[in-house]
Amino acid sequence: MDLRNKGSKVFAGKMSKVGIAALGLALSAVPLSQFAAQAQAPELEQAKAEAPAGEVDMEAGRQLFQDWSCNACHVLEDAGAQGHVGPALDGNSALTRDLVIDRVTNGAGAMPGFGGQLSEEEIAALADYIVAAHK
């Protein structure tokens, strides 16, 4: 048996564990308070008024949410999402349409930005859906 190959495998295994631990640490450091600090209750009411559930294409928004794997990181009951990486969208009173558009477009913390990958219309539809669907 070639010890160099064995050593490489052991080293790679340790690096994988270190990488996973670093990722977990980075994700736990995501400032969840950013969501709460970004909005006040009047803004939430304004955002909901901008996108009432009756006027939002819920199916299209839900499909975007699933197609772009939002459900892998976030909790949103309407989408059947039970992710544990990002902040829960259900129960988050700080969500506004503008905040969601900014986060989806530019990312924040561990969340990548999707601007340039999703069109402005898709991002707006996703934001409308999230604001209308979250409980």
Protein backbone atom coordinates (compact mmCIF):
# COMPACT_ATOMS: atom_id res chain seq x y z
CA MET A 1 0.00 0.00 0.00
CA ASP A 2 1.30 3.45 -0.89
CA LEU A 3 1.45 5.52 2.32
CA ARG A 4 1.39 8.76 0.37
CA ASN A 5 -2.08 7.94 -0.95
CA LYS A 6 -3.27 6.90 2.50
CA GLY A 7 -1.91 10.11 4.01
CA SER A 8 -3.62 12.15 1.29
CA LYS A 9 -6.93 10.49 2.05
CA VAL A 10 -6.56 11.13 5.78
CA PHE A 11 -5.55 14.74 5.11
CA ALA A 12 -8.50 15.20 2.72
CA GLY A 13 -10.87 13.71 5.30
CA LYS A 14 -9.59 16.07 7.99
CA MET A 15 -9.87 19.03 5.64
CA SER A 16 -13.44 18.05 4.83
CA LYS A 17 -14.29 18.01 8.52
CA VAL A 18 -12.53 21.35 9.02
CA GLY A 19 -14.41 22.80 6.02
CA ILE A 20 -17.75 21.59 7.32
CA ALA A 21 -17.01 22.98 10.78
CA ALA A 22 -15.97 26.33 9.28
CA LEU A 23 -19.13 26.46 7.19
CA GLY A 24 -21.26 25.73 10.25
CA LEU A 25 -19.49 28.45 12.21
CA ALA A 26 -19.92 30.96 9.39
CA LEU A 27 -23.60 30.17 9.04
CA SER A 28 -24.20 30.50 12.76
CA ALA A 29 -22.65 33.96 12.62
CA VAL A 30 -25.16 35.26 10.08
CA PRO A 31 -26.59 38.39 11.65
CA LEU A 32 -30.26 37.55 11.92
CA SER A 33 -30.81 40.88 13.57
CA GLN A 34 -30.37 42.51 10.15
CA PHE A 35 -33.86 41.37 9.24
CA ALA A 36 -35.37 42.86 12.39
CA ALA A 37 -33.37 46.07 12.12
CA GLN A 38 -34.38 46.70 8.52
CA ALA A 39 -38.09 47.19 8.94
CA GLN A 40 -40.76 48.58 11.20
CA ALA A 41 -44.38 47.43 11.46
CA PRO A 42 -45.73 50.29 9.25
CA GLU A 43 -43.37 49.17 6.47
CA LEU A 44 -44.72 45.64 6.76
CA GLU A 45 -48.26 46.90 6.36
CA GLN A 46 -47.20 49.01 3.36
CA ALA A 47 -45.47 46.02 1.76
CA LYS A 48 -48.52 43.83 2.27
CA ALA A 49 -50.68 46.58 0.78
CA GLU A 50 -48.37 46.65 -2.27
CA ALA A 51 -48.78 42.93 -2.79
CA PRO A 52 -52.04 41.60 -1.35
CA ALA A 53 -52.41 37.83 -1.54
CA GLY A 54 -55.34 38.07 -3.98
CA GLU A 55 -53.18 39.84 -6.58
CA VAL A 56 -50.03 37.75 -6.19
CA ASP A 57 -49.44 34.80 -8.49
CA MET A 58 -48.86 32.43 -5.59
CA GLU A 59 -48.23 29.40 -7.78
CA ALA A 60 -45.56 31.18 -9.85
CA GLY A 61 -43.89 32.53 -6.70
CA ARG A 62 -44.00 29.14 -5.01
CA GLN A 63 -42.46 27.56 -8.10
CA LEU A 64 -39.62 30.12 -8.14
CA PHE A 65 -39.08 29.50 -4.41
CA GLN A 66 -38.69 25.78 -5.07
CA ASP A 67 -36.80 26.05 -8.37
CA TRP A 68 -34.13 28.28 -6.83
CA SER A 69 -33.81 26.07 -3.72
CA CYS A 70 -34.97 28.72 -1.25
CA ASN A 71 -36.61 25.81 0.56
CA ALA A 72 -33.21 24.30 1.31
CA CYS A 73 -32.35 27.14 3.70
CA HIS A 74 -35.57 28.85 4.79
CA VAL A 75 -38.76 27.86 6.60
CA LEU A 76 -41.93 28.82 4.74
CA GLU A 77 -44.95 26.64 5.45
CA ASP A 78 -46.79 27.59 2.24
CA ALA A 79 -43.91 26.18 0.19
CA GLY A 80 -43.42 23.15 2.44
CA ALA A 81 -39.95 24.52 3.23
CA GLN A 82 -38.22 23.41 6.42
CA GLY A 83 -34.65 24.66 5.88
CA HIS A 84 -32.46 25.38 8.89
CA VAL A 85 -29.63 27.42 7.40
CA GLY A 86 -31.17 30.83 6.79
CA PRO A 87 -33.66 32.74 8.87
CA ALA A 88 -37.21 31.44 8.99
CA LEU A 89 -39.51 33.46 6.77
CA ASP A 90 -42.60 32.39 8.72
CA GLY A 91 -42.84 34.37 11.92
CA ASN A 92 -40.53 37.10 10.65
CA SER A 93 -42.43 40.35 11.14
CA ALA A 94 -39.57 42.33 9.59
CA LEU A 95 -40.17 41.04 6.06
CA THR A 96 -41.04 43.71 3.55
CA ARG A 97 -41.14 43.52 -0.21
CA ASP A 98 -38.15 45.88 -0.46
CA LEU A 99 -36.12 43.87 2.05
CA VAL A 100 -36.80 40.58 0.25
CA ILE A 101 -35.96 42.12 -3.13
CA ASP A 102 -32.68 43.46 -1.72
CA ARG A 103 -31.71 40.13 -0.10
CA VAL A 104 -32.59 38.04 -3.15
CA THR A 105 -30.79 40.45 -5.48
CA ASN A 106 -27.67 41.17 -3.42
CA GLY A 107 -27.53 38.45 -0.80
CA ALA A 108 -26.42 38.99 2.80
CA GLY A 109 -24.38 36.94 5.24
CA ALA A 110 -24.32 33.35 4.00
CA MET A 111 -27.06 33.97 1.42
CA PRO A 112 -25.81 34.46 -2.12
CA GLY A 113 -27.26 37.16 -4.35
CA PHE A 114 -29.33 36.06 -7.31
CA GLY A 115 -29.27 39.37 -9.20
CA GLY A 116 -28.14 38.60 -12.73
CA GLN A 117 -29.42 35.04 -12.45
CA LEU A 118 -33.07 35.92 -11.91
CA SER A 119 -34.74 38.72 -13.84
CA GLU A 120 -36.07 41.75 -11.97
CA GLU A 121 -39.58 40.48 -12.68
CA GLU A 122 -38.79 37.05 -11.21
CA ILE A 123 -37.24 38.63 -8.12
CA ALA A 124 -40.31 40.86 -7.68
CA ALA A 125 -42.64 37.86 -8.11
CA LEU A 126 -40.62 35.89 -5.55
CA ALA A 127 -40.68 38.81 -3.10
CA ASP A 128 -44.43 39.28 -3.56
CA TYR A 129 -44.95 35.58 -2.92
CA ILE A 130 -42.78 35.49 0.22
CA VAL A 131 -44.43 38.60 1.71
CA ALA A 132 -47.91 37.26 0.93
CA ALA A 133 -47.21 33.69 2.06
CA HIS A 134 -45.25 34.13 5.27
CA LYS A 135 -47.20 33.72 8.48
